[in-house]
Amino acid sequence: MTIPELERKAAELRCAVVKMIGAGKKGHYGGSLSSADMVTALYFHKMNIDPCNPDWEKRDSFVLSKGHAAYVQYAALALRGYFPSDELMNAKKPGSILQGHPDMNKTPGVECNTGSLAQGISQAAGMAAGLRLSGLDSKVYCIVGDGELAEGLVWEAAMAAYNFRLGNLVCLLDRNGFGAMGALKDRYDIGDVRAKFNAFGWHTIEIDGHDMGEIVQALDEADKVKDLPVMIIARTVKGKGVELAENQACFHNGVMEMEDYHAAICQLEEALK
């Protein structure tokens, strides 16, 4: 896809996220919307996958470590053809294949269960090590939340990924600056993230996480790094694309009443134009 085509696809993902949650229902808007551009670039530009054969041995894998943002992954999977788009409207309903956090036993295309923060990046590192032991050239891509960096397990995974020289592991950090309860600078400020991952031996790249051209360029640059794990630090806006939700911690997991819901849909449909 061209950059404008990818931008349009990201707008489609954001629109699907808001429609999936719906009016008067609680859902994780913030992190789903902030990571939509990165998820789009992965599923529609970078990853070598086959929706008709989700278990293809040579596929690239995606792990959403911040599993509460599952809505955006579900939207990407549906639009990529893993299951019918009509299924999106059943998200979080009893018996649905689309639950509140990714479930590899229910959803085609989901590689592992995530939601307990920091476990996703650890699983991604293990998957990358397993691919190398199997002699496969596939890559593992993982999106991590910046609030998640408060978990020690992230840094254990970071150490292990460097120690084993996992050049087939590419992580993207959704650096939107907000956790569930407020701005991270006021709650758990870990300082210079890039310097930390550099110190842990990773190859780091810093980008605007809403500039599709920069995202694509960073992912392509990561392909050239052979012996180090890569961390792409993407500066993003919590709730991107919905004015009411942007940079608002209350929309980490919030509710839109009918009037606000319709306004959000209008904004996103305008973006599609």
Protein backbone atom coordinates (compact mmCIF):
# COMPACT_ATOMS: atom_id res chain seq x y z
CA MET A 1 0.00 0.00 0.00
CA THR A 2 1.02 3.62 -0.56
CA ILE A 3 1.32 5.96 2.41
CA PRO A 4 -2.07 7.62 1.67
CA GLU A 5 -3.67 4.18 1.41
CA LEU A 6 -2.18 3.19 4.76
CA GLU A 7 -3.40 6.45 6.29
CA ARG A 8 -6.91 5.71 5.08
CA LYS A 9 -6.71 2.18 6.46
CA ALA A 10 -5.69 3.58 9.86
CA ALA A 11 -8.75 5.83 9.78
CA GLU A 12 -10.88 2.75 9.04
CA LEU A 13 -9.37 0.99 12.05
CA ARG A 14 -10.15 3.95 14.32
CA CYS A 15 -13.71 4.10 13.07
CA ALA A 16 -14.12 0.36 13.70
CA VAL A 17 -12.76 0.74 17.25
CA VAL A 18 -15.36 3.37 18.18
CA LYS A 19 -18.18 1.41 16.56
CA MET A 20 -17.14 -1.78 18.33
CA ILE A 21 -17.32 -0.11 21.73
CA GLY A 22 -20.54 1.75 20.95
CA ALA A 23 -22.50 4.40 22.81
CA GLY A 24 -23.07 4.04 26.55
CA LYS A 25 -20.56 1.19 26.91
CA LYS A 26 -17.19 1.16 28.58
CA GLY A 27 -14.18 0.43 26.42
CA HIS A 28 -10.47 1.07 25.95
CA TYR A 29 -10.50 3.98 23.51
CA GLY A 30 -7.25 5.66 24.49
CA GLY A 31 -4.60 3.07 23.73
CA SER A 32 -6.52 1.50 20.85
CA LEU A 33 -6.70 4.82 19.01
CA SER A 34 -3.13 5.88 19.82
CA SER A 35 -1.66 2.68 18.37
CA ALA A 36 -3.87 2.46 15.25
CA ASP A 37 -1.24 3.83 12.85
CA MET A 38 1.41 1.37 14.05
CA VAL A 39 -0.98 -1.58 13.88
CA THR A 40 -1.95 -0.54 10.35
CA ALA A 41 1.67 -0.36 9.20
CA LEU A 42 2.35 -3.80 10.62
CA TYR A 43 -0.66 -5.62 9.19
CA PHE A 44 -0.90 -3.83 5.85
CA HIS A 45 2.73 -3.02 5.04
CA LYS A 46 5.30 -4.99 6.95
CA MET A 47 4.29 -8.40 8.27
CA ASN A 48 4.56 -11.52 6.12
CA ILE A 49 1.27 -13.26 6.97
CA ASP A 50 -1.44 -15.34 5.33
CA PRO A 51 -4.99 -14.78 6.67
CA CYS A 52 -6.11 -17.96 4.88
CA ASN A 53 -3.49 -19.93 6.81
CA PRO A 54 -3.06 -18.29 10.25
CA ASP A 55 -0.76 -21.09 11.44
CA TRP A 56 1.62 -20.88 8.47
CA GLU A 57 5.01 -21.90 9.85
CA LYS A 58 6.98 -19.10 8.17
CA ARG A 59 4.66 -16.25 9.18
CA ASP A 60 5.72 -13.14 11.06
CA SER A 61 4.03 -12.81 14.44
CA PHE A 62 2.43 -9.90 16.29
CA VAL A 63 2.06 -9.63 20.05
CA LEU A 64 -0.05 -6.86 21.58
CA SER A 65 1.61 -6.65 24.98
CA LYS A 66 -0.82 -3.90 26.03
CA GLY A 67 -3.68 -6.34 25.59
CA HIS A 68 -6.40 -3.93 26.74
CA ALA A 69 -6.05 -2.25 23.31
CA ALA A 70 -7.39 -5.41 21.66
CA TYR A 71 -10.07 -3.50 19.72
CA VAL A 72 -7.53 -2.13 17.26
CA GLN A 73 -5.98 -5.54 16.68
CA TYR A 74 -9.43 -7.04 16.08
CA ALA A 75 -10.17 -4.32 13.53
CA ALA A 76 -6.91 -5.04 11.71
CA LEU A 77 -7.50 -8.79 11.72
CA ALA A 78 -11.00 -8.37 10.29
CA LEU A 79 -9.96 -5.92 7.57
CA ARG A 80 -7.01 -8.18 6.70
CA GLY A 81 -9.40 -11.09 6.22
CA TYR A 82 -8.90 -13.36 9.24
CA PHE A 83 -12.63 -13.32 9.95
CA PRO A 84 -15.72 -11.46 8.64
CA SER A 85 -15.92 -7.77 9.59
CA ASP A 86 -19.49 -8.33 10.83
CA GLU A 87 -17.99 -10.18 13.78
CA LEU A 88 -16.53 -6.90 15.10
CA MET A 89 -19.95 -5.83 16.36
CA ASN A 90 -19.96 -8.84 18.71
CA ALA A 91 -16.83 -7.73 20.56
CA LYS A 92 -16.95 -8.53 24.29
CA LYS A 93 -20.36 -10.23 24.01
CA PRO A 94 -20.75 -13.62 25.73
CA GLY A 95 -19.58 -16.36 23.40
CA SER A 96 -17.89 -14.00 20.94
CA ILE A 97 -14.50 -14.84 19.46
CA LEU A 98 -13.48 -11.25 20.35
CA GLN A 99 -13.10 -10.78 24.08
CA GLY A 100 -11.76 -7.89 26.17
CA HIS A 101 -8.18 -9.10 25.85
CA PRO A 102 -6.57 -11.10 23.02
CA ASP A 103 -7.19 -14.84 23.30
CA MET A 104 -5.25 -17.18 21.01
CA ASN A 105 -7.78 -19.94 21.63
CA LYS A 106 -10.71 -17.87 20.37
CA THR A 107 -9.47 -15.40 17.77
CA PRO A 108 -7.86 -16.37 14.43
CA GLY A 109 -4.58 -14.50 14.01
CA VAL A 110 -3.93 -13.87 17.71
CA GLU A 111 -0.58 -15.41 18.64
CA CYS A 112 -0.74 -15.36 22.44
CA ASN A 113 -2.94 -14.27 25.33
CA THR A 114 -2.03 -10.84 26.70
CA GLY A 115 -3.41 -8.34 29.15
CA SER A 116 -1.32 -8.89 32.27
CA LEU A 117 1.10 -6.08 31.50
CA ALA A 118 4.73 -6.87 30.57
CA GLN A 119 4.02 -10.53 29.86
CA GLY A 120 3.50 -9.83 26.17
CA ILE A 121 7.01 -8.53 25.51
CA SER A 122 8.41 -11.48 27.45
CA GLN A 123 6.41 -13.91 25.32
CA ALA A 124 7.53 -12.06 22.19
CA ALA A 125 11.18 -12.49 23.18
CA GLY A 126 10.62 -16.19 23.77
CA MET A 127 8.86 -16.56 20.42
CA ALA A 128 11.76 -14.80 18.67
CA ALA A 129 14.26 -17.13 20.34
CA GLY A 130 12.16 -20.12 19.31
CA LEU A 131 12.08 -19.01 15.68
CA ARG A 132 15.85 -18.76 15.61
CA LEU A 133 16.26 -22.19 17.19
CA SER A 134 13.93 -23.53 14.48
CA GLY A 135 16.08 -21.97 11.77
CA LEU A 136 13.28 -19.69 10.54
CA ASP A 137 13.87 -16.14 9.29
CA SER A 138 10.50 -14.82 10.46
CA LYS A 139 10.19 -11.83 12.79
CA VAL A 140 8.18 -11.10 15.93
CA TYR A 141 6.64 -7.64 16.30
CA CYS A 142 5.36 -6.41 19.65
CA ILE A 143 3.57 -3.23 20.73
CA VAL A 144 4.27 -2.16 24.31
CA GLY A 145 2.52 0.57 26.33
CA ASP A 146 4.55 3.22 28.11
CA GLY A 147 2.66 2.71 31.38
CA GLU A 148 3.73 -0.92 31.08
CA LEU A 149 7.38 0.11 31.46
CA ALA A 150 6.83 0.34 35.22
CA GLU A 151 6.77 -3.47 35.26
CA GLY A 152 10.09 -5.16 36.02
CA LEU A 153 9.28 -7.98 33.62
CA VAL A 154 9.72 -5.57 30.70
CA TRP A 155 13.33 -5.02 31.66
CA GLU A 156 14.01 -8.71 32.25
CA ALA A 157 12.76 -9.30 28.71
CA ALA A 158 14.91 -6.42 27.46
CA MET A 159 18.02 -7.93 29.07
CA ALA A 160 17.28 -11.38 27.70
CA ALA A 161 16.59 -10.09 24.18
CA TYR A 162 19.98 -8.37 24.11
CA ASN A 163 21.79 -11.30 25.73
CA PHE A 164 20.51 -13.70 23.08
CA ARG A 165 20.99 -11.12 20.30
CA LEU A 166 17.40 -11.41 19.11
CA GLY A 167 17.68 -9.46 15.87
CA ASN A 168 14.33 -10.89 14.82
CA LEU A 169 12.46 -9.04 17.59
CA VAL A 170 11.05 -5.58 16.81
CA CYS A 171 9.11 -3.73 19.50
CA LEU A 172 7.14 -0.53 19.12
CA LEU A 173 6.51 1.63 22.18
CA ASP A 174 3.18 3.47 22.22
CA ARG A 175 4.57 6.56 23.98
CA ASN A 176 1.29 8.44 24.60
CA GLY A 177 2.29 9.63 28.07
CA PHE A 178 -0.83 8.43 29.89
CA GLY A 179 -1.70 5.42 31.99
CA ALA A 180 -5.07 4.33 33.28
CA MET A 181 -5.12 6.90 36.07
CA GLY A 182 -3.38 9.95 34.66
CA ALA A 183 -0.27 11.42 33.04
CA LEU A 184 2.79 9.25 33.60
CA LYS A 185 4.96 12.26 34.39
CA ASP A 186 2.85 12.78 37.51
CA ARG A 187 2.50 9.14 38.49
CA TYR A 188 5.47 6.99 37.43
CA ASP A 189 8.04 8.89 35.43
CA ILE A 190 10.84 6.56 34.32
CA GLY A 191 12.78 9.27 32.53
CA ASP A 192 14.63 8.95 29.22
CA VAL A 193 13.22 5.77 27.69
CA ARG A 194 15.51 5.79 24.67
CA ALA A 195 18.60 6.10 26.86
CA LYS A 196 17.41 3.16 28.94
CA PHE A 197 16.89 0.84 25.99
CA ASN A 198 20.22 1.97 24.54
CA ALA A 199 21.81 1.05 27.85
CA PHE A 200 20.18 -2.36 27.64
CA GLY A 201 21.87 -2.84 24.26
CA TRP A 202 18.90 -2.38 21.93
CA HIS A 203 18.95 -0.57 18.61
CA THR A 204 16.56 2.33 19.13
CA ILE A 205 14.64 4.55 16.71
CA GLU A 206 12.44 7.49 17.71
CA ILE A 207 9.54 8.60 15.52
CA ASP A 208 6.20 10.40 15.35
CA GLY A 209 3.81 7.51 15.88
CA HIS A 210 1.12 9.17 13.78
CA ASP A 211 3.32 9.91 10.75
CA MET A 212 2.78 6.87 8.54
CA GLY A 213 5.85 7.63 6.47
CA GLU A 214 8.06 7.63 9.57
CA ILE A 215 6.51 4.41 10.87
CA VAL A 216 7.10 2.61 7.57
CA GLN A 217 10.64 3.95 7.34
CA ALA A 218 11.42 2.80 10.91
CA LEU A 219 10.07 -0.69 10.25
CA ASP A 220 12.14 -0.91 7.08
CA GLU A 221 15.21 0.30 8.99
CA ALA A 222 14.63 -2.43 11.58
CA ASP A 223 15.00 -5.03 8.81
CA LYS A 224 18.62 -3.97 8.38
CA VAL A 225 19.51 -4.60 12.05
CA LYS A 226 20.72 -8.19 12.24
CA ASP A 227 22.08 -8.93 15.72
CA LEU A 228 20.19 -6.64 18.10
CA PRO A 229 16.56 -6.32 19.16
CA VAL A 230 14.95 -3.09 17.95
CA MET A 231 12.81 -0.66 19.94
CA ILE A 232 10.86 1.91 17.91
CA ILE A 233 9.79 4.66 20.32
CA ALA A 234 6.67 6.20 18.83
CA ARG A 235 5.43 9.49 20.25
CA THR A 236 1.64 9.27 20.13
CA VAL A 237 -1.54 10.94 21.39
CA LYS A 238 -3.83 9.01 23.70
CA GLY A 239 -7.24 8.73 22.01
CA LYS A 240 -5.88 10.01 18.68
CA GLY A 241 -8.55 10.96 16.14
CA VAL A 242 -11.40 11.59 18.58
CA GLU A 243 -11.20 15.12 19.94
CA LEU A 244 -13.14 14.31 23.11
CA ALA A 245 -10.75 11.48 24.01
CA GLU A 246 -7.38 12.95 23.07
CA ASN A 247 -4.93 13.16 26.00
CA GLN A 248 -7.70 12.27 28.45
CA ALA A 249 -6.90 9.55 30.97
CA CYS A 250 -10.62 9.02 31.57
CA PHE A 251 -10.82 7.51 28.08
CA HIS A 252 -8.18 4.92 28.82
CA ASN A 253 -11.25 2.82 29.62
CA GLY A 254 -14.19 5.18 29.28
CA VAL A 255 -17.76 5.68 28.13
CA MET A 256 -19.15 7.84 25.33
CA GLU A 257 -22.78 8.84 25.62
CA MET A 258 -24.84 8.94 22.43
CA GLU A 259 -24.17 12.57 21.50
CA ASP A 260 -20.40 12.21 21.95
CA TYR A 261 -20.42 8.87 20.15
CA HIS A 262 -22.07 10.39 17.07
CA ALA A 263 -19.63 13.31 17.15
CA ALA A 264 -16.71 10.87 17.27
CA ILE A 265 -18.04 8.87 14.33
CA CYS A 266 -18.50 12.10 12.34
CA GLN A 267 -14.87 13.09 13.04
CA LEU A 268 -13.56 9.73 11.98
CA GLU A 269 -15.71 9.53 8.85
CA GLU A 270 -14.48 12.97 7.91
CA ALA A 271 -10.92 11.68 8.26
CA LEU A 272 -11.78 8.87 5.87
CA LYS A 273 -12.53 11.44 3.19
